Amino acid sequence: MIGYLTGTTIHETETGIILDVRGVGYAVATTDATKAWASMQGQVSLFIHTIVRETALDLYGFETDNELYFFKKLLEVSGIGPRSGLGIIGLASTDTLHQAILKNNIDFLTSVPGIGKKTAERMCIELSDKLKDYTPEKEHASNDTDTDVVDALVALGYSPAQAYKALEHLDESHGSVNERITEALKHL
């Protein structure tokens, strides 16, 4: 099984990226935010979840081990497949998703295409106990700020990819979350 890949993003696909690892191109399905991030970075490292089917070998890539952990937990819920799981992970940060599940925020969870009210309710019921060992992400303050900015822009209806692209235009002089959101909105 493939669990981790480091390489260069050479192409964006509809569902993710092609990652060149020492001359071999791996098609990796990612969230829109991860796709935008990987395209900006050049050299990236992704945590990989491999799904082997009779006719295919599917790779799903994540920036953090928390995203991978969450994805695996989502796949345990009846009615959630890899595509829906990826959509849920792409909705917001894992910390925000964790809180939404614990607080039974059905409206937030049903904003993912393909996730209806019953599936969202099932997700909250089945995952509330399974996520007790979840550890919130420990990132640098600037990354926390950027995560908050992306979450806010997504809540306003922008895609994660649009939010990350707006962050590219910001400089460090915009320190607070509110300042960064205001400035990011000017670039959307």
N, C-alpha and C. Protein backbone atom coordinates (compact mmCIF):
# COMPACT_ATOMS: atom_id res chain seq x y z
N MET A 1 0.83 -1.19 0.00
CA MET A 1 0.00 0.00 0.00
C MET A 1 0.88 1.25 0.00
N ILE A 2 0.43 2.25 -0.69
CA ILE A 2 1.14 3.53 -0.71
C ILE A 2 0.56 4.39 0.40
N GLY A 3 1.42 4.92 1.28
CA GLY A 3 0.96 5.70 2.42
C GLY A 3 1.43 7.14 2.42
N TYR A 4 2.45 7.45 1.60
CA TYR A 4 3.02 8.80 1.62
C TYR A 4 3.80 9.00 0.33
N LEU A 5 3.63 10.14 -0.30
CA LEU A 5 4.37 10.45 -1.53
C LEU A 5 4.95 11.86 -1.46
N THR A 6 6.16 11.99 -1.94
CA THR A 6 6.79 13.30 -2.10
C THR A 6 7.21 13.45 -3.55
N GLY A 7 6.79 14.54 -4.16
CA GLY A 7 7.14 14.75 -5.56
C GLY A 7 6.75 16.13 -6.02
N THR A 8 6.74 16.29 -7.33
CA THR A 8 6.44 17.57 -7.96
C THR A 8 5.11 17.49 -8.68
N THR A 9 4.27 18.48 -8.47
CA THR A 9 2.99 18.55 -9.17
C THR A 9 3.27 18.94 -10.62
N ILE A 10 2.90 18.05 -11.54
CA ILE A 10 3.17 18.35 -12.95
C ILE A 10 1.90 18.66 -13.74
N HIS A 11 0.74 18.33 -13.17
CA HIS A 11 -0.51 18.56 -13.90
C HIS A 11 -1.67 18.54 -12.92
N GLU A 12 -2.66 19.39 -13.18
CA GLU A 12 -3.92 19.35 -12.43
C GLU A 12 -4.94 18.58 -13.25
N THR A 13 -5.70 17.72 -12.58
CA THR A 13 -6.79 17.01 -13.24
C THR A 13 -8.10 17.51 -12.65
N GLU A 14 -9.20 17.01 -13.17
CA GLU A 14 -10.51 17.41 -12.65
C GLU A 14 -10.66 17.03 -11.18
N THR A 15 -10.09 15.90 -10.79
CA THR A 15 -10.27 15.40 -9.42
C THR A 15 -9.05 15.55 -8.53
N GLY A 16 -7.95 16.07 -9.05
CA GLY A 16 -6.75 16.18 -8.21
C GLY A 16 -5.54 16.61 -8.99
N ILE A 17 -4.44 15.90 -8.78
CA ILE A 17 -3.16 16.26 -9.41
C ILE A 17 -2.44 15.03 -9.93
N ILE A 18 -1.49 15.26 -10.81
CA ILE A 18 -0.53 14.23 -11.19
C ILE A 18 0.76 14.59 -10.48
N LEU A 19 1.24 13.69 -9.65
CA LEU A 19 2.43 13.92 -8.85
C LEU A 19 3.58 13.10 -9.42
N ASP A 20 4.64 13.78 -9.86
CA ASP A 20 5.82 13.12 -10.41
C ASP A 20 6.74 12.75 -9.25
N VAL A 21 6.89 11.46 -9.02
CA VAL A 21 7.78 10.95 -7.99
C VAL A 21 8.88 10.15 -8.68
N ARG A 22 10.04 10.76 -8.83
CA ARG A 22 11.20 10.12 -9.47
C ARG A 22 10.87 9.51 -10.83
N GLY A 23 10.17 10.29 -11.65
CA GLY A 23 9.88 9.85 -13.01
C GLY A 23 8.61 9.06 -13.19
N VAL A 24 7.88 8.78 -12.11
CA VAL A 24 6.61 8.06 -12.20
C VAL A 24 5.50 9.04 -11.82
N GLY A 25 4.50 9.17 -12.68
CA GLY A 25 3.39 10.08 -12.41
C GLY A 25 2.24 9.36 -11.73
N TYR A 26 1.92 9.79 -10.52
CA TYR A 26 0.81 9.21 -9.76
C TYR A 26 -0.39 10.14 -9.85
N ALA A 27 -1.54 9.61 -10.27
CA ALA A 27 -2.79 10.37 -10.26
C ALA A 27 -3.34 10.30 -8.84
N VAL A 28 -3.41 11.44 -8.18
CA VAL A 28 -3.85 11.50 -6.79
C VAL A 28 -5.09 12.38 -6.70
N ALA A 29 -6.19 11.83 -6.20
CA ALA A 29 -7.40 12.61 -5.98
C ALA A 29 -7.19 13.45 -4.72
N THR A 30 -7.55 14.73 -4.81
CA THR A 30 -7.37 15.65 -3.68
C THR A 30 -8.57 16.57 -3.57
N THR A 31 -8.62 17.31 -2.47
CA THR A 31 -9.62 18.37 -2.35
C THR A 31 -9.19 19.52 -3.26
N ASP A 32 -10.11 20.42 -3.54
CA ASP A 32 -9.77 21.59 -4.36
C ASP A 32 -8.69 22.43 -3.67
N ALA A 33 -8.79 22.54 -2.35
CA ALA A 33 -7.81 23.33 -1.61
C ALA A 33 -6.42 22.71 -1.70
N THR A 34 -6.33 21.40 -1.57
CA THR A 34 -5.04 20.72 -1.67
C THR A 34 -4.49 20.83 -3.08
N LYS A 35 -5.38 20.74 -4.08
CA LYS A 35 -4.94 20.89 -5.47
C LYS A 35 -4.33 22.28 -5.69
N ALA A 36 -5.01 23.31 -5.20
CA ALA A 36 -4.50 24.68 -5.35
C ALA A 36 -3.17 24.84 -4.61
N TRP A 37 -3.10 24.31 -3.40
CA TRP A 37 -1.89 24.39 -2.59
C TRP A 37 -0.73 23.66 -3.28
N ALA A 38 -0.98 22.45 -3.76
CA ALA A 38 0.07 21.65 -4.40
C ALA A 38 0.57 22.31 -5.68
N SER A 39 -0.32 22.93 -6.42
CA SER A 39 0.09 23.61 -7.65
C SER A 39 0.98 24.81 -7.37
N MET A 40 0.75 25.47 -6.25
CA MET A 40 1.57 26.63 -5.86
C MET A 40 2.95 26.21 -5.35
N GLN A 41 3.01 25.07 -4.68
CA GLN A 41 4.22 24.66 -3.98
C GLN A 41 5.33 24.12 -4.87
N GLY A 42 4.97 23.41 -5.90
CA GLY A 42 5.99 22.70 -6.68
C GLY A 42 6.27 21.36 -6.04
N GLN A 43 7.23 21.28 -5.14
CA GLN A 43 7.56 20.04 -4.43
C GLN A 43 6.60 19.89 -3.24
N VAL A 44 5.86 18.78 -3.18
CA VAL A 44 4.90 18.57 -2.09
C VAL A 44 5.04 17.15 -1.53
N SER A 45 4.58 17.01 -0.31
CA SER A 45 4.48 15.70 0.34
C SER A 45 3.03 15.52 0.75
N LEU A 46 2.47 14.37 0.41
CA LEU A 46 1.07 14.09 0.72
C LEU A 46 0.94 12.77 1.47
N PHE A 47 0.05 12.76 2.46
CA PHE A 47 -0.34 11.51 3.10
C PHE A 47 -1.35 10.86 2.16
N ILE A 48 -1.18 9.57 1.91
CA ILE A 48 -1.98 8.88 0.89
C ILE A 48 -2.84 7.79 1.51
N HIS A 49 -4.08 7.72 1.04
CA HIS A 49 -4.95 6.58 1.35
C HIS A 49 -5.15 5.84 0.03
N THR A 50 -4.82 4.56 0.02
CA THR A 50 -4.90 3.75 -1.19
C THR A 50 -6.14 2.87 -1.12
N ILE A 51 -6.92 2.87 -2.19
CA ILE A 51 -8.08 1.99 -2.29
C ILE A 51 -7.86 1.10 -3.50
N VAL A 52 -7.81 -0.20 -3.26
CA VAL A 52 -7.60 -1.17 -4.33
C VAL A 52 -8.95 -1.79 -4.69
N ARG A 53 -9.31 -1.63 -5.96
CA ARG A 53 -10.53 -2.24 -6.46
C ARG A 53 -10.16 -3.23 -7.55
N GLU A 54 -11.12 -3.97 -8.01
CA GLU A 54 -10.86 -4.98 -9.03
C GLU A 54 -10.26 -4.39 -10.30
N THR A 55 -10.73 -3.20 -10.67
CA THR A 55 -10.28 -2.61 -11.93
C THR A 55 -9.44 -1.35 -11.77
N ALA A 56 -9.15 -0.97 -10.53
CA ALA A 56 -8.42 0.29 -10.35
C ALA A 56 -7.67 0.33 -9.03
N LEU A 57 -6.66 1.17 -9.00
CA LEU A 57 -5.92 1.49 -7.79
C LEU A 57 -6.07 3.00 -7.60
N ASP A 58 -6.85 3.42 -6.61
CA ASP A 58 -7.14 4.83 -6.40
C ASP A 58 -6.32 5.39 -5.25
N LEU A 59 -5.71 6.55 -5.48
CA LEU A 59 -4.92 7.23 -4.45
C LEU A 59 -5.62 8.53 -4.07
N TYR A 60 -5.74 8.76 -2.77
CA TYR A 60 -6.34 9.98 -2.24
C TYR A 60 -5.29 10.66 -1.39
N GLY A 61 -4.98 11.93 -1.70
CA GLY A 61 -3.89 12.63 -1.05
C GLY A 61 -4.36 13.75 -0.13
N PHE A 62 -3.63 13.89 1.00
CA PHE A 62 -3.98 14.88 2.01
C PHE A 62 -2.74 15.61 2.51
N GLU A 63 -2.90 16.89 2.83
CA GLU A 63 -1.78 17.70 3.31
C GLU A 63 -1.33 17.28 4.70
N THR A 64 -2.26 16.88 5.55
CA THR A 64 -1.92 16.57 6.94
C THR A 64 -2.39 15.16 7.31
N ASP A 65 -1.77 14.62 8.35
CA ASP A 65 -2.21 13.32 8.83
C ASP A 65 -3.59 13.41 9.48
N ASN A 66 -3.98 14.59 9.98
CA ASN A 66 -5.33 14.76 10.53
C ASN A 66 -6.39 14.63 9.44
N GLU A 67 -6.10 15.18 8.26
CA GLU A 67 -7.05 15.04 7.15
C GLU A 67 -7.19 13.58 6.75
N LEU A 68 -6.08 12.86 6.70
CA LEU A 68 -6.10 11.43 6.37
C LEU A 68 -6.89 10.65 7.42
N TYR A 69 -6.63 10.95 8.69
CA TYR A 69 -7.35 10.29 9.80
C TYR A 69 -8.86 10.51 9.64
N PHE A 70 -9.25 11.76 9.41
CA PHE A 70 -10.66 12.10 9.27
C PHE A 70 -11.28 11.38 8.08
N PHE A 71 -10.56 11.34 6.96
CA PHE A 71 -11.03 10.67 5.76
C PHE A 71 -11.32 9.19 6.04
N LYS A 72 -10.39 8.53 6.72
CA LYS A 72 -10.58 7.11 7.04
C LYS A 72 -11.80 6.90 7.93
N LYS A 73 -12.00 7.80 8.89
CA LYS A 73 -13.17 7.70 9.77
C LYS A 73 -14.46 7.92 8.98
N LEU A 74 -14.44 8.85 8.04
CA LEU A 74 -15.63 9.11 7.22
C LEU A 74 -16.00 7.89 6.38
N LEU A 75 -15.00 7.17 5.88
CA LEU A 75 -15.27 5.99 5.06
C LEU A 75 -15.94 4.87 5.85
N GLU A 76 -15.83 4.92 7.18
CA GLU A 76 -16.48 3.92 8.03
C GLU A 76 -17.99 4.16 8.15
N VAL A 77 -18.46 5.34 7.76
CA VAL A 77 -19.87 5.68 7.87
C VAL A 77 -20.61 5.14 6.65
N SER A 78 -21.69 4.42 6.89
CA SER A 78 -22.50 3.87 5.81
C SER A 78 -23.04 5.00 4.94
N GLY A 79 -22.86 4.88 3.63
CA GLY A 79 -23.36 5.90 2.71
C GLY A 79 -22.33 6.94 2.31
N ILE A 80 -21.14 6.86 2.88
CA ILE A 80 -20.09 7.81 2.51
C ILE A 80 -18.96 7.05 1.82
N GLY A 81 -18.77 7.36 0.55
CA GLY A 81 -17.68 6.76 -0.21
C GLY A 81 -16.51 7.72 -0.30
N PRO A 82 -15.49 7.33 -1.03
CA PRO A 82 -14.29 8.17 -1.13
C PRO A 82 -14.55 9.56 -1.71
N ARG A 83 -15.38 9.67 -2.73
CA ARG A 83 -15.65 10.98 -3.34
C ARG A 83 -16.37 11.90 -2.35
N SER A 84 -17.39 11.37 -1.67
CA SER A 84 -18.10 12.17 -0.67
C SER A 84 -17.18 12.53 0.49
N GLY A 85 -16.37 11.57 0.91
CA GLY A 85 -15.42 11.83 2.00
C GLY A 85 -14.46 12.94 1.64
N LEU A 86 -13.98 12.93 0.40
CA LEU A 86 -13.07 13.98 -0.07
C LEU A 86 -13.80 15.33 -0.08
N GLY A 87 -15.06 15.32 -0.49
CA GLY A 87 -15.85 16.55 -0.49
C GLY A 87 -16.03 17.12 0.90
N ILE A 88 -16.23 16.23 1.87
CA ILE A 88 -16.39 16.67 3.26
C ILE A 88 -15.09 17.25 3.79
N ILE A 89 -13.98 16.57 3.52
CA ILE A 89 -12.67 17.06 3.96
C ILE A 89 -12.38 18.43 3.33
N GLY A 90 -12.82 18.62 2.09
CA GLY A 90 -12.59 19.89 1.41
C GLY A 90 -13.49 21.02 1.86
N LEU A 91 -14.48 20.71 2.68
CA LEU A 91 -15.44 21.71 3.13
C LEU A 91 -14.82 22.73 4.08
N ALA A 92 -13.97 22.26 4.98
CA ALA A 92 -13.37 23.15 5.99
C ALA A 92 -12.21 22.42 6.65
N SER A 93 -11.58 23.08 7.61
CA SER A 93 -10.48 22.43 8.33
C SER A 93 -11.02 21.25 9.13
N THR A 94 -10.16 20.32 9.46
CA THR A 94 -10.60 19.15 10.23
C THR A 94 -11.09 19.55 11.61
N ASP A 95 -10.51 20.60 12.18
CA ASP A 95 -10.99 21.07 13.49
C ASP A 95 -12.44 21.57 13.38
N THR A 96 -12.74 22.30 12.31
CA THR A 96 -14.10 22.80 12.09
C THR A 96 -15.06 21.64 11.85
N LEU A 97 -14.64 20.66 11.06
CA LEU A 97 -15.48 19.48 10.82
C LEU A 97 -15.74 18.72 12.11
N HIS A 98 -14.70 18.57 12.91
CA HIS A 98 -14.82 17.88 14.19
C HIS A 98 -15.89 18.56 15.05
N GLN A 99 -15.83 19.88 15.15
CA GLN A 99 -16.81 20.62 15.93
C GLN A 99 -18.21 20.49 15.33
N ALA A 100 -18.32 20.53 14.01
CA ALA A 100 -19.63 20.40 13.36
C ALA A 100 -20.26 19.05 13.67
N ILE A 101 -19.46 18.00 13.68
CA ILE A 101 -19.98 16.66 13.98
C ILE A 101 -20.38 16.55 15.44
N LEU A 102 -19.54 17.05 16.34
CA LEU A 102 -19.85 16.98 17.77
C LEU A 102 -21.09 17.81 18.11
N LYS A 103 -21.31 18.91 17.40
CA LYS A 103 -22.44 19.79 17.68
C LYS A 103 -23.66 19.48 16.81
N ASN A 104 -23.58 18.38 16.04
CA ASN A 104 -24.68 17.96 15.15
C ASN A 104 -25.11 19.09 14.21
N ASN A 105 -24.17 19.76 13.60
CA ASN A 105 -24.45 20.86 12.67
C ASN A 105 -24.79 20.27 11.30
N ILE A 106 -26.02 19.82 11.17
CA ILE A 106 -26.48 19.13 9.96
C ILE A 106 -26.44 20.06 8.74
N ASP A 107 -26.85 21.31 8.91
CA ASP A 107 -26.87 22.26 7.79
C ASP A 107 -25.48 22.43 7.18
N PHE A 108 -24.48 22.52 8.02
CA PHE A 108 -23.10 22.67 7.55
C PHE A 108 -22.68 21.44 6.75
N LEU A 109 -22.96 20.25 7.29
CA LEU A 109 -22.53 19.01 6.65
C LEU A 109 -23.27 18.72 5.35
N THR A 110 -24.53 19.14 5.25
CA THR A 110 -25.29 18.89 4.03
C THR A 110 -24.92 19.86 2.90
N SER A 111 -24.03 20.79 3.16
CA SER A 111 -23.59 21.69 2.09
C SER A 111 -22.65 20.99 1.11
N VAL A 112 -22.24 19.77 1.43
CA VAL A 112 -21.43 18.97 0.51
C VAL A 112 -22.35 18.28 -0.49
N PRO A 113 -22.10 18.42 -1.80
CA PRO A 113 -22.93 17.73 -2.78
C PRO A 113 -22.93 16.21 -2.52
N GLY A 114 -24.12 15.62 -2.51
CA GLY A 114 -24.23 14.18 -2.30
C GLY A 114 -24.46 13.79 -0.86
N ILE A 115 -24.36 14.74 0.06
CA ILE A 115 -24.61 14.45 1.48
C ILE A 115 -25.97 15.04 1.84
N GLY A 116 -26.92 14.14 2.07
CA GLY A 116 -28.25 14.57 2.47
C GLY A 116 -28.39 14.61 3.98
N LYS A 117 -29.59 14.97 4.41
CA LYS A 117 -29.84 15.12 5.84
C LYS A 117 -29.64 13.80 6.59
N LYS A 118 -30.13 12.70 6.04
CA LYS A 118 -30.00 11.41 6.73
C LYS A 118 -28.54 10.98 6.85
N THR A 119 -27.77 11.18 5.79
CA THR A 119 -26.35 10.81 5.83
C THR A 119 -25.61 11.69 6.83
N ALA A 120 -25.93 12.98 6.86
CA ALA A 120 -25.28 13.89 7.81
C ALA A 120 -25.62 13.50 9.25
N GLU A 121 -26.88 13.14 9.49
CA GLU A 121 -27.28 12.70 10.83
C GLU A 121 -26.56 11.41 11.22
N ARG A 122 -26.48 10.47 10.27
CA ARG A 122 -25.78 9.21 10.52
C ARG A 122 -24.31 9.48 10.82
N MET A 123 -23.72 10.41 10.08
CA MET A 123 -22.32 10.77 10.29
C MET A 123 -22.12 11.28 11.72
N CYS A 124 -23.00 12.16 12.18
CA CYS A 124 -22.88 12.71 13.54
C CYS A 124 -23.03 11.61 14.59
N ILE A 125 -23.97 10.74 14.39
CA ILE A 125 -24.21 9.66 15.36
C ILE A 125 -23.03 8.69 15.40
N GLU A 126 -22.61 8.23 14.22
CA GLU A 126 -21.56 7.21 14.16
C GLU A 126 -20.17 7.74 14.52
N LEU A 127 -19.91 9.00 14.21
CA LEU A 127 -18.55 9.52 14.42
C LEU A 127 -18.34 10.22 15.75
N SER A 128 -19.41 10.60 16.44
CA SER A 128 -19.21 11.35 17.68
C SER A 128 -18.38 10.56 18.69
N ASP A 129 -18.57 9.24 18.77
CA ASP A 129 -17.76 8.41 19.67
C ASP A 129 -16.40 8.07 19.06
N LYS A 130 -16.37 7.85 17.76
CA LYS A 130 -15.12 7.44 17.10
C LYS A 130 -14.08 8.56 17.05
N LEU A 131 -14.52 9.79 17.17
CA LEU A 131 -13.60 10.92 17.07
C LEU A 131 -13.10 11.42 18.43
N LYS A 132 -13.34 10.63 19.47
CA LYS A 132 -12.88 11.05 20.80
C LYS A 132 -11.37 11.11 20.88
N ASP A 133 -10.67 10.30 20.08
CA ASP A 133 -9.20 10.32 20.11
C ASP A 133 -8.61 11.31 19.11
N TYR A 134 -9.46 12.13 18.51
CA TYR A 134 -9.00 13.14 17.55
C TYR A 134 -8.19 14.22 18.27
N THR A 135 -7.05 14.57 17.70
CA THR A 135 -6.20 15.62 18.26
C THR A 135 -6.26 16.82 17.33
N PRO A 136 -6.66 17.99 17.84
CA PRO A 136 -6.71 19.18 16.98
C PRO A 136 -5.35 19.46 16.34
N GLU A 137 -5.42 20.04 15.14
CA GLU A 137 -4.18 20.34 14.42
C GLU A 137 -3.35 21.34 15.19
N LYS A 138 -2.04 21.10 15.22
CA LYS A 138 -1.12 22.02 15.86
C LYS A 138 -0.27 22.65 14.77
N GLU A 139 -0.66 23.84 14.38
CA GLU A 139 0.04 24.54 13.31
C GLU A 139 0.58 25.84 13.85
N HIS A 140 1.41 26.49 13.07
CA HIS A 140 1.92 27.80 13.44
C HIS A 140 0.77 28.80 13.43
N ALA A 141 0.93 29.87 14.17
CA ALA A 141 -0.13 30.88 14.28
C ALA A 141 -0.56 31.40 12.92
N SER A 142 0.38 31.65 12.03
CA SER A 142 0.02 32.18 10.71
C SER A 142 -0.81 31.17 9.94
N ASN A 143 -0.50 29.88 10.08
CA ASN A 143 -1.29 28.86 9.41
C ASN A 143 -2.68 28.78 10.01
N ASP A 144 -2.79 28.95 11.34
CA ASP A 144 -4.11 28.97 11.98
C ASP A 144 -4.92 30.14 11.44
N THR A 145 -4.28 31.29 11.32
CA THR A 145 -4.95 32.47 10.79
C THR A 145 -5.42 32.20 9.36
N ASP A 146 -4.55 31.65 8.53
CA ASP A 146 -4.92 31.36 7.15
C ASP A 146 -6.02 30.31 7.08
N THR A 147 -5.99 29.32 7.96
CA THR A 147 -7.06 28.32 8.01
C THR A 147 -8.38 28.99 8.35
N ASP A 148 -8.35 29.91 9.32
CA ASP A 148 -9.57 30.64 9.68
C ASP A 148 -10.07 31.48 8.51
N VAL A 149 -9.16 32.10 7.78
CA VAL A 149 -9.54 32.92 6.63
C VAL A 149 -10.18 32.04 5.56
N VAL A 150 -9.57 30.91 5.26
CA VAL A 150 -10.13 29.99 4.26
C VAL A 150 -11.50 29.50 4.71
N ASP A 151 -11.63 29.10 5.98
CA ASP A 151 -12.92 28.64 6.49
C ASP A 151 -14.00 29.72 6.35
N ALA A 152 -13.63 30.96 6.66
CA ALA A 152 -14.58 32.07 6.55
C ALA A 152 -15.00 32.29 5.10
N LEU A 153 -14.04 32.26 4.18
CA LEU A 153 -14.36 32.46 2.77
C LEU A 153 -15.23 31.33 2.23
N VAL A 154 -14.95 30.10 2.66
CA VAL A 154 -15.78 28.96 2.25
C VAL A 154 -17.19 29.13 2.80
N ALA A 155 -17.31 29.59 4.04
CA ALA A 155 -18.63 29.82 4.63
C ALA A 155 -19.40 30.90 3.87
N LEU A 156 -18.68 31.82 3.25
CA LEU A 156 -19.31 32.87 2.44
C LEU A 156 -19.68 32.39 1.04
N GLY A 157 -19.34 31.14 0.71
CA GLY A 157 -19.75 30.57 -0.57
C GLY A 157 -18.65 30.41 -1.59
N TYR A 158 -17.43 30.80 -1.27
CA TYR A 158 -16.32 30.61 -2.20
C TYR A 158 -15.78 29.20 -2.07
N SER A 159 -15.19 28.69 -3.13
CA SER A 159 -14.59 27.36 -3.07
C SER A 159 -13.26 27.45 -2.33
N PRO A 160 -12.80 26.33 -1.74
CA PRO A 160 -11.49 26.34 -1.09
C PRO A 160 -10.37 26.77 -2.04
N ALA A 161 -10.46 26.37 -3.30
CA ALA A 161 -9.43 26.76 -4.27
C ALA A 161 -9.42 28.27 -4.46
N GLN A 162 -10.60 28.88 -4.56
CA GLN A 162 -10.67 30.34 -4.69
C GLN A 162 -10.09 31.01 -3.45
N ALA A 163 -10.40 30.46 -2.28
CA ALA A 163 -9.91 31.04 -1.02
C ALA A 163 -8.39 31.00 -0.95
N TYR A 164 -7.81 29.86 -1.31
CA TYR A 164 -6.34 29.74 -1.28
C TYR A 164 -5.69 30.68 -2.30
N LYS A 165 -6.32 30.82 -3.46
CA LYS A 165 -5.75 31.73 -4.46
C LYS A 165 -5.80 33.17 -3.98
N ALA A 166 -6.87 33.54 -3.26
CA ALA A 166 -6.96 34.89 -2.70
C ALA A 166 -5.86 35.11 -1.66
N LEU A 167 -5.52 34.07 -0.90
CA LEU A 167 -4.45 34.18 0.11
C LEU A 167 -3.10 34.48 -0.53
N GLU A 168 -2.90 34.03 -1.76
CA GLU A 168 -1.64 34.28 -2.45
C GLU A 168 -1.36 35.77 -2.59
N HIS A 169 -2.41 36.57 -2.66
CA HIS A 169 -2.26 38.02 -2.88
C HIS A 169 -2.00 38.79 -1.59
N LEU A 170 -2.11 38.13 -0.45
CA LEU A 170 -1.95 38.82 0.83
C LEU A 170 -0.50 38.83 1.26
N ASP A 171 -0.11 39.93 1.89
CA ASP A 171 1.23 39.96 2.48
C ASP A 171 1.08 39.88 4.00
N GLU A 172 2.18 39.79 4.67
CA GLU A 172 2.17 39.59 6.12
C GLU A 172 1.71 40.81 6.90
N SER A 173 1.57 41.97 6.24
CA SER A 173 1.15 43.17 6.96
C SER A 173 -0.31 43.10 7.39
N HIS A 174 -1.06 42.22 6.76
CA HIS A 174 -2.46 42.02 7.16
C HIS A 174 -2.48 40.92 8.21
N GLY A 175 -2.34 41.31 9.50
CA GLY A 175 -2.11 40.34 10.56
C GLY A 175 -3.32 39.64 11.11
N SER A 176 -4.39 40.37 11.44
CA SER A 176 -5.52 39.73 12.10
C SER A 176 -6.38 38.97 11.09
N VAL A 177 -7.18 38.06 11.61
CA VAL A 177 -8.05 37.27 10.74
C VAL A 177 -9.00 38.19 9.98
N ASN A 178 -9.61 39.15 10.68
CA ASN A 178 -10.56 40.06 10.03
C ASN A 178 -9.90 40.87 8.93
N GLU A 179 -8.69 41.37 9.18
CA GLU A 179 -7.97 42.12 8.16
C GLU A 179 -7.67 41.25 6.95
N ARG A 180 -7.28 40.00 7.20
CA ARG A 180 -6.93 39.11 6.10
C ARG A 180 -8.18 38.72 5.30
N ILE A 181 -9.31 38.53 5.98
CA ILE A 181 -10.56 38.22 5.28
C ILE A 181 -10.96 39.39 4.39
N THR A 182 -10.93 40.59 4.95
CA THR A 182 -11.29 41.79 4.20
C THR A 182 -10.41 41.95 2.96
N GLU A 183 -9.12 41.78 3.14
CA GLU A 183 -8.19 41.93 2.02
C GLU A 183 -8.39 40.81 0.99
N ALA A 184 -8.63 39.57 1.46
CA ALA A 184 -8.84 38.45 0.55
C ALA A 184 -10.09 38.66 -0.30
N LEU A 185 -11.13 39.22 0.30
CA LEU A 185 -12.37 39.47 -0.44
C LEU A 185 -12.15 40.44 -1.59
N LYS A 186 -11.20 41.33 -1.46
CA LYS A 186 -10.89 42.28 -2.54
C LYS A 186 -10.32 41.58 -3.76
N HIS A 187 -9.78 40.38 -3.56
CA HIS A 187 -9.15 39.64 -4.66
C HIS A 187 -10.06 38.55 -5.24
N LEU A 188 -11.29 38.51 -4.78
CA LEU A 188 -12.22 37.49 -5.28
C LEU A 188 -13.26 38.11 -6.19
